Amino acid sequence: EAGHYYLRAYVAGNSNYTNATKYIEFNIIPRPITVKIDNKTSIYDAPEAELTHLITSGSILDNDIVNITISRDPGTDAGSYAIKGTYDNSNYNVVFIEGVYTITPAANSISNLKINNWNYGYTPATPTANSIYGEITFEYSTSLTGEFTSSIFLRLGRFSFICVGITSQFSGLSAKL
């Protein structure tokens, strides 16, 4: 076992000499091991990648058990999280090279984008659409290359219509009708 110990040297005396005793302290130093934790990546809202590691220096002796546990900082939003390690055997000094778990934004899409025409002077039609993530915002313009606004145009003409959805959890997207 690794730890702090004492050694005693002893000579039993007899009729020609006395007893002799000498003490000294010493340590059995924990066996060094370096563990590199692999970086991992997954996409927001997808299954997480399995956390893995590799012993890059040192070794575990035969018949010894060193339970190495790898875990990452909590979180499910897109971003970066530290991957850390722990171990449970005091006969070893395990140094961990931490990894990074990156959750990338998910791709988003808009489907079923619709708006009905309406007659001038009547109540504007309500646009509809579906997206995988996020709340859809509807904006209007008189041209696909023009400026879009949330104000509904009530005059005659042909208009472009765009819906946009962006959050930190998924890539921005837009669809035009």
Protein backbone atom coordinates (compact mmCIF):
# COMPACT_ATOMS: atom_id res chain seq x y z
CA GLU A 1 0.00 0.00 0.00
CA ALA A 2 1.17 3.50 -0.77
CA GLY A 3 1.61 5.59 2.34
CA HIS A 4 3.94 6.79 5.11
CA TYR A 5 5.90 4.12 7.03
CA TYR A 6 8.64 3.61 9.61
CA LEU A 7 11.50 1.17 9.48
CA ARG A 8 13.16 -0.11 12.62
CA ALA A 9 16.54 -1.76 12.65
CA TYR A 10 17.20 -3.72 15.85
CA VAL A 11 20.11 -5.68 17.19
CA ALA A 12 19.51 -7.71 20.31
CA GLY A 13 22.20 -7.21 22.91
CA ASN A 14 24.09 -9.93 24.70
CA SER A 15 26.81 -10.05 27.35
CA ASN A 16 29.30 -8.43 24.95
CA TYR A 17 27.24 -5.52 23.61
CA THR A 18 24.02 -3.61 24.25
CA ASN A 19 20.80 -3.56 22.32
CA ALA A 20 20.80 -1.18 19.38
CA THR A 21 17.74 0.34 17.73
CA LYS A 22 17.48 2.82 14.90
CA TYR A 23 14.33 4.23 13.22
CA ILE A 24 13.83 5.88 9.85
CA GLU A 25 10.74 7.18 8.02
CA PHE A 26 9.98 6.39 4.39
CA ASN A 27 7.16 6.60 1.87
CA ILE A 28 5.74 4.26 -0.69
CA ILE A 29 4.72 6.75 -3.35
CA PRO A 30 1.53 6.14 -5.35
CA ARG A 31 2.25 4.76 -8.82
CA PRO A 32 1.89 7.57 -11.41
CA ILE A 33 -0.52 7.20 -14.31
CA THR A 34 -1.61 9.75 -16.89
CA VAL A 35 -5.06 9.40 -18.45
CA LYS A 36 -6.04 11.42 -21.52
CA ILE A 37 -9.78 11.97 -21.83
CA ASP A 38 -10.95 12.06 -25.45
CA ASN A 39 -12.81 15.12 -26.78
CA LYS A 40 -16.36 14.32 -27.91
CA THR A 41 -19.03 16.05 -30.00
CA SER A 42 -22.75 15.59 -30.43
CA ILE A 43 -25.59 17.57 -31.96
CA TYR A 44 -28.21 19.32 -29.83
CA ASP A 45 -31.15 17.03 -29.06
CA ALA A 46 -29.31 13.92 -30.40
CA PRO A 47 -27.96 10.98 -28.37
CA GLU A 48 -24.75 11.79 -26.52
CA ALA A 49 -21.42 10.31 -27.58
CA GLU A 50 -19.84 7.71 -25.29
CA LEU A 51 -17.09 9.15 -23.09
CA THR A 52 -13.74 7.40 -23.54
CA HIS A 53 -10.18 7.67 -22.24
CA LEU A 54 -6.72 6.21 -22.73
CA ILE A 55 -3.84 5.61 -20.32
CA THR A 56 -0.97 7.49 -22.00
CA SER A 57 1.76 6.87 -19.40
CA GLY A 58 2.19 4.46 -16.53
CA SER A 59 0.25 1.27 -16.03
CA ILE A 60 -1.96 -0.58 -13.59
CA LEU A 61 -0.29 -3.55 -11.93
CA ASP A 62 -1.69 -7.03 -12.44
CA ASN A 63 -4.42 -7.91 -9.93
CA ASP A 64 -4.96 -4.24 -9.01
CA ILE A 65 -8.28 -2.58 -9.62
CA VAL A 66 -8.42 1.14 -10.33
CA ASN A 67 -11.92 2.32 -11.13
CA ILE A 68 -11.63 5.31 -13.44
CA THR A 69 -14.84 7.25 -13.90
CA ILE A 70 -15.26 9.79 -16.70
CA SER A 71 -18.05 12.37 -16.61
CA ARG A 72 -18.80 15.73 -18.12
CA ASP A 73 -20.14 18.95 -16.66
CA PRO A 74 -23.94 19.01 -16.81
CA GLY A 75 -25.83 20.74 -19.59
CA THR A 76 -27.88 20.01 -22.69
CA ASP A 77 -27.70 23.34 -24.53
CA ALA A 78 -25.31 23.89 -27.44
CA GLY A 79 -21.89 24.79 -26.03
CA SER A 80 -18.71 23.32 -24.55
CA TYR A 81 -18.49 21.29 -21.34
CA ALA A 82 -15.43 19.98 -19.48
CA ILE A 83 -14.96 16.20 -19.34
CA LYS A 84 -13.23 15.18 -16.10
CA GLY A 85 -12.09 11.99 -14.43
CA THR A 86 -11.93 10.49 -10.95
CA TYR A 87 -10.38 7.32 -9.55
CA ASP A 88 -10.67 5.29 -6.36
CA ASN A 89 -7.34 3.59 -5.58
CA SER A 90 -4.90 5.43 -3.27
CA ASN A 91 -2.01 3.27 -4.51
CA TYR A 92 -2.10 5.28 -7.73
CA ASN A 93 -1.70 8.95 -8.53
CA VAL A 94 -3.81 9.43 -11.64
CA VAL A 95 -3.36 12.69 -13.52
CA PHE A 96 -6.16 13.41 -15.95
CA ILE A 97 -5.78 15.43 -19.14
CA GLU A 98 -9.30 16.78 -19.38
CA GLY A 99 -11.35 16.62 -22.54
CA VAL A 100 -14.05 18.88 -23.94
CA TYR A 101 -17.58 17.78 -24.80
CA THR A 102 -19.07 20.03 -27.48
CA ILE A 103 -22.75 20.12 -28.28
CA THR A 104 -23.22 21.73 -31.68
CA PRO A 105 -26.42 23.49 -32.77
CA ALA A 106 -28.94 21.28 -34.53
CA ALA A 107 -29.99 22.03 -38.08
CA ASN A 108 -33.50 23.41 -38.22
CA SER A 109 -36.06 23.55 -41.00
CA ILE A 110 -39.36 25.18 -41.80
CA SER A 111 -42.11 23.23 -43.52
CA ASN A 112 -45.68 23.83 -44.61
CA LEU A 113 -45.19 27.58 -45.03
CA LYS A 114 -48.53 28.97 -46.28
CA ILE A 115 -50.44 32.19 -46.56
CA ASN A 116 -53.63 32.77 -48.50
CA ASN A 117 -54.19 35.82 -50.70
CA TRP A 118 -56.73 38.29 -49.41
CA ASN A 119 -58.75 41.12 -50.88
CA TYR A 120 -57.68 44.66 -50.24
CA GLY A 121 -59.57 46.17 -47.34
CA TYR A 122 -60.34 42.83 -45.72
CA THR A 123 -58.71 41.15 -42.76
CA PRO A 124 -55.21 39.95 -43.70
CA ALA A 125 -54.65 36.22 -43.97
CA THR A 126 -52.74 34.56 -41.16
CA PRO A 127 -49.56 32.77 -42.23
CA THR A 128 -48.84 29.24 -40.97
CA ALA A 129 -45.68 27.12 -40.86
CA ASN A 130 -43.97 24.42 -38.83
CA SER A 131 -40.40 24.28 -37.59
CA ILE A 132 -38.45 21.56 -35.80
CA TYR A 133 -37.22 23.98 -33.13
CA GLY A 134 -38.07 27.47 -31.97
CA GLU A 135 -40.90 29.90 -32.43
CA ILE A 136 -41.54 31.14 -35.93
CA THR A 137 -41.58 34.87 -36.62
CA PHE A 138 -43.34 36.02 -39.78
CA GLU A 139 -42.09 39.08 -41.68
CA TYR A 140 -43.28 40.79 -44.87
CA SER A 141 -41.63 42.67 -47.76
CA THR A 142 -42.52 43.96 -51.19
CA SER A 143 -39.45 42.19 -52.63
CA LEU A 144 -37.35 39.13 -51.84
CA THR A 145 -34.32 41.40 -51.72
CA GLY A 146 -36.13 44.20 -49.89
CA GLU A 147 -36.35 45.00 -46.24
CA PHE A 148 -38.60 42.69 -44.22
CA THR A 149 -40.83 43.91 -41.41
CA SER A 150 -43.39 42.41 -39.06
CA SER A 151 -45.99 44.94 -40.28
CA ILE A 152 -48.62 43.49 -42.59
CA PHE A 153 -49.02 45.37 -45.88
CA LEU A 154 -52.58 46.41 -46.54
CA ARG A 155 -52.12 47.92 -50.01
CA LEU A 156 -52.41 46.22 -53.37
CA GLY A 157 -49.48 44.37 -54.88
CA ARG A 158 -47.33 41.29 -54.74
CA PHE A 159 -45.39 40.72 -51.54
CA SER A 160 -42.62 38.46 -50.35
CA PHE A 161 -43.02 36.68 -47.10
CA ILE A 162 -40.31 35.22 -44.86
CA CYS A 163 -40.31 33.37 -41.60
CA VAL A 164 -37.21 33.20 -39.46
CA GLY A 165 -36.27 31.09 -36.46
CA ILE A 166 -32.94 31.38 -34.63
CA THR A 167 -31.85 30.40 -31.12
CA SER A 168 -28.55 29.24 -29.66
CA GLN A 169 -29.73 25.61 -29.88
CA PHE A 170 -29.99 25.34 -33.63
CA SER A 171 -28.78 26.94 -36.82
CA GLY A 172 -30.77 29.85 -38.17
CA LEU A 173 -33.11 29.21 -41.01
CA SER A 174 -35.48 31.05 -43.23
CA ALA A 175 -38.03 30.11 -45.79
CA LYS A 176 -39.63 32.38 -48.38
CA LEU A 177 -43.04 32.10 -49.93
